[in-house]
Protein backbone atom coordinates (compact mmCIF):
# COMPACT_ATOMS: atom_id res chain seq x y z
CA MET A 1 7.71 -14.33 -14.88
CA GLN A 2 4.06 -14.46 -13.84
CA THR A 3 1.42 -12.10 -15.20
CA VAL A 4 -1.69 -11.05 -13.28
CA ASN A 5 -4.30 -9.03 -15.16
CA VAL A 6 -6.47 -6.33 -13.61
CA ASP A 7 -9.71 -6.55 -15.57
CA LEU A 8 -11.24 -3.08 -15.99
CA ASP A 9 -12.47 -3.26 -19.60
CA ASP A 10 -10.63 -0.67 -21.70
CA ARG A 11 -8.50 0.32 -18.70
CA SER A 12 -7.27 -3.20 -17.96
CA TYR A 13 -3.57 -3.68 -17.40
CA PRO A 14 -1.00 -6.38 -16.55
CA ILE A 15 1.08 -6.86 -13.42
CA PHE A 16 4.39 -8.53 -14.26
CA ILE A 17 5.95 -10.43 -11.33
CA GLY A 18 9.36 -12.08 -11.23
CA ALA A 19 13.09 -11.71 -10.63
CA ASN A 20 15.35 -9.43 -12.70
CA LEU A 21 12.50 -7.91 -14.71
CA LEU A 22 14.33 -4.58 -14.86
CA ASP A 23 16.85 -6.29 -17.14
CA ASP A 24 14.11 -7.04 -19.71
CA ASP A 25 13.91 -4.10 -22.11
CA SER A 26 10.78 -5.50 -23.77
CA LEU A 27 8.43 -4.96 -20.83
CA LEU A 28 7.98 -1.19 -20.63
CA LEU A 29 8.12 -0.05 -24.25
CA PRO A 30 4.64 -1.33 -25.28
CA TYR A 31 3.06 0.80 -22.51
CA ILE A 32 4.70 4.21 -22.91
CA GLY A 33 3.16 5.36 -26.17
CA ARG A 34 5.03 7.73 -28.47
CA GLY A 35 5.62 10.66 -26.13
CA ARG A 36 8.42 11.62 -23.81
CA VAL A 37 8.92 9.85 -20.49
CA VAL A 38 9.63 11.35 -17.06
CA ILE A 39 10.76 9.06 -14.25
CA ILE A 40 9.77 10.06 -10.72
CA THR A 41 11.85 8.40 -8.01
CA ASN A 42 13.56 9.26 -4.73
CA GLU A 43 17.06 9.81 -3.44
CA ILE A 44 17.35 6.24 -2.11
CA VAL A 45 16.14 4.40 -5.21
CA ALA A 46 17.72 6.62 -7.88
CA PRO A 47 21.34 5.52 -7.34
CA LEU A 48 20.25 1.88 -7.47
CA TYR A 49 17.86 1.60 -10.40
CA LEU A 50 17.41 4.88 -12.27
CA GLU A 51 20.07 4.20 -14.91
CA LYS A 52 18.74 0.69 -15.52
CA VAL A 53 15.22 1.99 -16.17
CA LYS A 54 16.51 4.83 -18.36
CA LEU A 55 18.18 2.22 -20.59
CA GLN A 56 14.87 0.41 -20.99
CA LEU A 57 13.19 3.60 -22.19
CA GLY A 58 15.78 4.41 -24.82
CA GLY A 59 15.42 7.71 -26.65
CA GLN A 60 12.01 8.41 -25.15
CA PHE A 61 13.49 9.13 -21.73
CA ALA A 62 13.41 12.88 -21.19
CA SER A 63 14.14 13.61 -17.55
CA ALA A 64 13.97 12.40 -13.97
CA ILE A 65 12.56 13.97 -10.83
CA VAL A 66 14.36 12.77 -7.71
CA LEU A 67 12.37 13.41 -4.53
CA PRO A 68 13.44 13.26 -0.88
CA ASP A 69 12.69 9.93 0.78
CA GLY A 70 9.94 9.55 3.36
CA GLU A 71 6.21 9.83 4.00
CA GLU A 72 6.51 13.56 4.68
CA THR A 73 7.25 14.01 0.95
CA LYS A 74 3.71 12.88 0.13
CA SER A 75 2.26 16.39 0.01
CA LEU A 76 0.65 18.98 -2.23
CA GLU A 77 3.94 20.89 -2.17
CA THR A 78 5.64 17.95 -3.88
CA ILE A 79 2.85 17.72 -6.45
CA ALA A 80 3.33 21.42 -7.23
CA LYS A 81 7.06 20.84 -7.85
CA ILE A 82 6.22 18.03 -10.27
CA TYR A 83 3.78 20.30 -12.13
CA ASP A 84 6.50 22.97 -12.31
CA HIS A 85 8.94 20.49 -13.85
CA LEU A 86 6.41 19.28 -16.42
CA MET A 87 5.24 22.75 -17.42
CA GLU A 88 8.73 24.24 -17.61
CA GLY A 89 9.74 21.32 -19.83
CA LYS A 90 6.62 21.77 -21.99
CA PHE A 91 5.56 18.18 -21.49
CA ASP A 92 2.31 17.47 -23.33
CA ARG A 93 -0.58 15.01 -22.99
CA LYS A 94 1.42 12.26 -24.73
CA THR A 95 3.88 12.23 -21.82
CA THR A 96 4.19 9.14 -19.63
CA LEU A 97 5.25 9.28 -15.98
CA VAL A 98 7.08 6.29 -14.53
CA ALA A 99 6.86 5.75 -10.76
CA LEU A 100 10.11 4.13 -9.64
CA GLY A 101 10.00 3.59 -5.89
CA GLY A 102 7.81 2.56 -3.00
CA GLY A 103 4.26 3.46 -2.09
CA VAL A 104 4.97 7.15 -1.52
CA VAL A 105 6.50 7.59 -4.98
CA GLY A 106 3.73 5.54 -6.58
CA ASP A 107 0.95 7.52 -4.93
CA ILE A 108 2.54 10.88 -5.77
CA THR A 109 3.26 9.93 -9.38
CA GLY A 110 -0.22 8.54 -9.93
CA PHE A 111 -1.87 11.67 -8.56
CA ALA A 112 0.35 13.92 -10.69
CA ALA A 113 -0.52 11.83 -13.76
CA ALA A 114 -4.23 11.90 -12.95
CA THR A 115 -4.30 15.69 -12.70
CA TYR A 116 -1.67 17.04 -15.12
CA GLN A 117 -3.49 18.23 -18.24
CA ARG A 118 -6.51 16.29 -16.94
CA GLY A 119 -4.74 12.95 -17.17
CA ILE A 120 -1.62 11.44 -18.72
CA ASN A 121 -0.31 7.87 -18.75
CA PHE A 122 1.80 6.43 -15.97
CA LEU A 123 3.52 3.15 -15.16
CA GLN A 124 4.36 1.62 -11.79
CA ILE A 125 7.74 0.05 -10.98
CA PRO A 126 7.35 -0.67 -7.25
CA THR A 127 10.61 -1.23 -5.37
CA THR A 128 9.28 -2.17 -1.92
CA LEU A 129 7.37 -5.26 -0.84
CA LEU A 130 4.48 -3.13 0.40
CA ALA A 131 4.18 -1.38 -2.96
CA GLN A 132 4.46 -4.61 -4.95
CA VAL A 133 1.66 -6.39 -3.08
CA ASP A 134 -0.65 -3.46 -2.52
CA SER A 135 -0.18 0.23 -3.26
CA SER A 136 0.99 -0.10 -6.89
CA VAL A 137 -2.12 -2.07 -7.84
CA GLY A 138 -5.65 -0.73 -8.06
CA GLY A 139 -5.29 2.93 -8.95
CA LYS A 140 -5.42 4.63 -5.55
CA THR A 141 -3.31 7.77 -5.81
CA GLY A 142 -2.94 10.79 -3.59
CA VAL A 143 -1.16 12.78 -0.92
CA ASN A 144 -1.50 13.37 2.79
CA HIS A 145 -2.92 16.35 4.65
CA PRO A 146 -1.83 17.36 8.17
CA LEU A 147 -5.31 16.37 9.39
CA GLY A 148 -5.53 13.02 7.61
CA LYS A 149 -3.67 10.47 5.52
CA ASN A 150 -4.53 10.06 1.82
CA MET A 151 -7.37 12.57 2.07
CA ILE A 152 -6.51 14.23 -1.26
CA GLY A 153 -6.30 12.00 -4.31
CA SER A 154 -7.91 10.20 -7.20
CA PHE A 155 -8.63 6.72 -8.54
CA TYR A 156 -6.39 6.49 -11.61
CA GLN A 157 -5.07 3.26 -13.08
CA PRO A 158 -1.53 2.70 -14.43
CA GLN A 159 -0.78 1.24 -17.85
CA CYS A 160 1.17 -1.63 -16.29
CA VAL A 161 2.96 -2.67 -13.10
CA VAL A 162 6.43 -4.26 -13.13
CA ALA A 163 7.20 -5.98 -9.81
CA ASP A 164 10.82 -7.11 -9.90
CA THR A 165 11.24 -9.20 -6.77
CA GLU A 166 15.03 -9.05 -7.01
CA VAL A 167 15.06 -5.33 -6.14
CA LEU A 168 13.67 -6.19 -2.70
CA ARG A 169 17.17 -7.37 -1.72
CA SER A 170 18.26 -3.75 -1.48
CA LEU A 171 15.69 -3.03 1.24
CA PRO A 172 16.57 -2.75 4.93
CA GLU A 173 15.01 -5.40 7.15
CA ARG A 174 12.57 -2.92 8.66
CA GLU A 175 11.09 -2.13 5.23
CA ILE A 176 10.67 -5.82 4.41
CA LYS A 177 8.83 -6.43 7.66
CA ALA A 178 6.63 -3.40 7.08
CA GLY A 179 5.69 -4.81 3.68
CA VAL A 180 4.72 -8.13 5.20
CA ALA A 181 1.92 -6.40 7.11
CA GLU A 182 0.06 -5.80 3.85
CA VAL A 183 0.78 -9.41 2.81
CA ILE A 184 -0.71 -10.78 6.02
CA LYS A 185 -3.77 -8.58 5.48
CA TYR A 186 -4.75 -10.61 2.41
CA GLY A 187 -4.71 -13.81 4.43
CA LEU A 188 -6.85 -12.30 7.14
CA ILE A 189 -9.55 -10.82 4.93
CA ASN A 190 -10.41 -13.83 2.76
CA ASN A 191 -7.72 -16.53 2.59
CA SER A 192 -7.09 -18.42 5.82
CA GLY A 193 -4.94 -20.97 3.98
CA PHE A 194 -2.61 -18.18 2.85
CA PHE A 195 -2.41 -16.87 6.42
CA THR A 196 -1.36 -20.34 7.61
CA TRP A 197 1.21 -20.58 4.80
CA LEU A 198 2.65 -17.21 5.81
CA ALA A 199 2.88 -18.32 9.44
CA ASP A 200 4.75 -21.46 8.38
CA ASN A 201 7.10 -19.73 5.93
CA SER A 202 8.15 -16.58 7.76
CA ASP A 203 11.87 -17.40 7.51
CA ALA A 204 11.63 -17.85 3.74
CA ILE A 205 9.75 -14.58 3.34
CA LEU A 206 12.02 -12.53 5.60
CA THR A 207 15.18 -13.88 3.91
CA LEU A 208 13.63 -13.13 0.51
CA GLN A 209 13.78 -16.64 -0.89
CA SER A 210 12.78 -16.03 -4.48
CA SER A 211 10.08 -18.69 -4.86
CA ALA A 212 8.40 -17.78 -1.57
CA VAL A 213 8.40 -14.04 -2.23
CA SER A 214 7.14 -14.45 -5.80
CA LYS A 215 4.34 -16.70 -4.57
CA ALA A 216 3.32 -14.18 -1.89
CA VAL A 217 3.37 -11.24 -4.32
CA GLN A 218 1.36 -13.18 -6.90
CA ILE A 219 -1.30 -14.31 -4.41
CA CYS A 220 -1.71 -10.76 -3.08
CA CYS A 221 -1.89 -9.24 -6.57
CA GLU A 222 -4.43 -11.83 -7.71
CA ALA A 223 -6.58 -11.12 -4.67
CA LYS A 224 -6.40 -7.36 -5.11
CA ALA A 225 -6.97 -7.55 -8.88
CA ALA A 226 -10.17 -9.55 -8.31
CA ILE A 227 -11.47 -7.08 -5.72
CA VAL A 228 -10.58 -4.02 -7.80
CA ALA A 229 -12.28 -5.51 -10.86
CA GLU A 230 -15.45 -5.92 -8.80
CA ASP A 231 -15.31 -2.59 -6.95
CA GLU A 232 -12.83 -0.14 -8.43
CA LYS A 233 -13.83 2.94 -6.42
CA GLU A 234 -14.47 1.34 -3.03
CA ALA A 235 -18.24 1.45 -3.00
CA GLY A 236 -18.39 -1.95 -1.31
CA VAL A 237 -16.10 -4.96 -1.07
CA ARG A 238 -12.87 -3.04 -1.79
CA ALA A 239 -13.16 -1.47 1.66
CA LEU A 240 -12.11 -4.86 3.08
CA LEU A 241 -8.59 -4.07 1.88
CA ASN A 242 -8.47 -1.43 4.62
CA LEU A 243 -8.20 -3.99 7.42
CA GLY A 244 -6.00 -2.36 10.07
CA HIS A 245 -5.90 0.96 8.21
CA THR A 246 -8.56 2.89 10.15
CA PHE A 247 -6.54 2.48 13.35
CA GLY A 248 -3.21 2.62 11.50
CA HIS A 249 -3.90 5.87 9.67
CA ALA A 250 -4.91 7.49 12.96
CA ILE A 251 -1.59 6.41 14.49
CA GLU A 252 0.36 7.76 11.50
CA THR A 253 -1.39 11.11 11.62
CA ALA A 254 -1.18 11.48 15.39
CA THR A 255 2.54 10.69 15.54
CA GLY A 256 3.52 12.72 12.49
CA TYR A 257 4.11 11.17 9.08
CA GLY A 258 7.42 9.37 9.02
CA SER A 259 7.69 8.42 12.69
CA TRP A 260 6.36 4.96 11.86
CA LEU A 261 6.39 3.16 8.54
CA HIS A 262 2.95 2.68 7.02
CA GLY A 263 3.18 -1.10 7.28
CA GLU A 264 4.11 -0.88 10.94
CA THR A 265 0.99 1.10 11.77
CA VAL A 266 -1.09 -1.35 9.70
CA ALA A 267 0.39 -4.18 11.80
CA MET A 268 -0.67 -2.37 14.98
CA GLY A 269 -4.05 -1.61 13.42
CA MET A 270 -4.71 -5.24 12.48
CA VAL A 271 -4.05 -6.32 16.06
CA MET A 272 -6.41 -3.58 17.27
CA ALA A 273 -9.05 -4.73 14.76
CA ALA A 274 -8.62 -8.32 15.96
CA ASP A 275 -8.97 -7.18 19.56
CA LEU A 276 -12.16 -5.24 18.83
CA SER A 277 -13.52 -8.22 16.89
CA ARG A 278 -12.85 -10.40 19.94
CA ARG A 279 -14.58 -7.96 22.27
CA LEU A 280 -17.62 -7.98 19.98
CA GLY A 281 -17.78 -11.75 20.33
CA TRP A 282 -17.05 -12.37 16.66
CA LEU A 283 -13.45 -13.54 16.61
CA ASP A 284 -12.40 -16.45 18.79
CA ALA A 285 -9.94 -15.38 21.50
CA GLN A 286 -7.37 -17.94 20.34
CA GLU A 287 -7.59 -16.65 16.77
CA ALA A 288 -7.11 -13.07 17.96
CA LEU A 289 -4.03 -14.15 19.90
CA ARG A 290 -2.78 -16.13 16.89
CA ILE A 291 -2.95 -13.02 14.72
CA ARG A 292 -0.88 -11.06 17.22
CA GLN A 293 1.65 -13.88 17.56
CA VAL A 294 2.21 -14.23 13.82
CA ILE A 295 2.64 -10.48 13.38
CA GLU A 296 4.82 -9.97 16.45
CA GLU A 297 6.74 -13.24 16.86
CA ASN A 298 6.96 -14.73 13.36
CA TYR A 299 7.59 -11.44 11.57
CA GLY A 300 8.96 -9.16 14.28
CA MET A 301 6.60 -6.27 13.69
CA PRO A 302 5.37 -3.80 16.33
CA VAL A 303 1.91 -4.54 17.69
CA VAL A 304 1.60 -2.10 20.61
CA PRO A 305 0.27 1.34 19.62
CA PRO A 306 1.95 4.45 21.02
CA ALA A 307 0.82 4.99 24.59
CA ASP A 308 0.49 8.77 24.29
CA ILE A 309 -2.39 8.78 21.78
CA THR A 310 -5.59 9.50 23.67
CA VAL A 311 -8.99 7.96 23.01
CA GLU A 312 -10.20 11.40 22.01
CA GLN A 313 -7.41 11.72 19.44
CA TYR A 314 -8.20 8.33 17.96
CA LEU A 315 -11.91 9.10 17.69
CA ASP A 316 -11.31 12.54 16.16
CA LEU A 317 -8.86 11.23 13.56
CA MET A 318 -10.88 8.13 12.70
CA SER A 319 -14.06 10.17 12.27
CA SER A 320 -12.18 12.31 9.72
CA ASP A 321 -10.90 9.25 7.85
CA LYS A 322 -12.07 8.96 4.24
CA LYS A 323 -13.71 5.61 5.07
CA ALA A 324 -16.15 7.27 7.50
CA GLU A 325 -19.72 7.63 6.23
CA LEU A 326 -22.47 9.94 7.47
CA GLY A 327 -20.51 10.74 10.60
CA LYS A 328 -19.93 7.08 11.50
CA ILE A 329 -16.56 5.38 11.60
CA ARG A 330 -16.48 2.29 9.39
CA PHE A 331 -14.32 -0.53 10.68
CA ILE A 332 -13.02 -3.60 8.89
CA LEU A 333 -13.31 -6.38 11.45
CA LEU A 334 -13.01 -10.16 11.54
CA LYS A 335 -15.58 -12.88 12.04
CA ALA A 336 -12.72 -15.38 11.70
CA ILE A 337 -9.26 -15.57 10.18
CA GLY A 338 -10.06 -15.33 6.48
CA GLU A 339 -13.47 -13.67 6.95
CA ALA A 340 -13.49 -9.88 7.13
CA VAL A 341 -16.59 -7.70 7.34
CA ILE A 342 -17.40 -3.99 7.12
CA GLU A 343 -19.04 -2.65 10.28
CA GLY A 344 -20.26 0.88 10.94
CA ASP A 345 -22.08 0.27 14.21
CA VAL A 346 -19.63 -0.53 17.00
CA ASP A 347 -20.45 -0.18 20.69
CA ASP A 348 -18.62 2.88 22.06
CA GLU A 349 -17.60 1.14 25.28
CA LEU A 350 -16.04 -1.80 23.47
CA LEU A 351 -14.21 0.51 21.05
CA ASN A 352 -12.86 2.61 23.91
CA SER A 353 -11.65 -0.57 25.62
CA THR A 354 -9.61 -1.48 22.54
CA LEU A 355 -8.25 2.05 22.24
CA THR A 356 -7.04 2.06 25.84
CA ALA A 357 -5.84 -1.54 26.10
CA GLY A 358 -2.33 -0.88 24.75
CA SER A 359 0.05 -3.77 25.41
CA GLN A 360 -2.82 -5.98 26.62
CA LEU A 361 -4.41 -6.21 23.16
CA CYS A 362 -5.60 -9.76 22.38
CA LEU A 363 -4.06 -11.16 25.57
């Protein structure tokens, strides 16, 4: 087991990374306090891991909330149902919520914990690759709105994160690939050597070879922990973690939550960001093409955005994105592989060219 610490003074917490961690009943107990525990999970994960986690919690386990699977569950309606459960059960401020699932479950649970009785403890047990390397770490919680993704939420840190890499073997191939998009992101923003390693080890990652997956999760968590410790609430450098997300969130919202997996739209968005960076004269054309090739050919992810989204739709949705400032869309773009920058002043003609290029991106 490897441990990565997120250093936030009195709100610091560990990320435990390794295989078969859900069999270790010593990990969770130090972080749940003395109150009752409610597990929040979904209908896919519950049959696989709910009983195992309940055993770890012993007599402090009180109940479980099993949600429908899918991005469309990430809504205020779901949050209201969680509040109903907690209030009907008379759960107090000593209660701990445990998020057992992927990014949707983690975001919902964190937001419920942040807002129930003005804040109760919660733990993250991420069960997807995307959640283990990204969404479970850093305290971003929230739900979607029909007009924008993650527009309602809070920064609220967990007590600990337990990333059991063995549970990834239960994922369908599409989910694994979608998670890799967030892994590749870390190589692109500030670690070109990691990007090269990912390009060279795609077979090991996609077949979930334990040493390769653990290394990837650890590198991503270390990178995110360092950024979060420097900029917890995204006033500066943390925005770099949104590479591909400004385009990707627009695609998710335009197509309806659930049509594409989050990681798939991030993959498309990173290729679009690389294309725009190339058009600006920042990113070398060969590097832009290399990014597309690794995402599309090495990892088999989609890179062509849906053809029926208009430029006007993109611009409207991106201008409503939470990363926009003073009416300007902020983009995370690339000077080179491993060197991301925040840019709020992009030429309209070049942006429109990227938005209309479709299958010709980076070619």
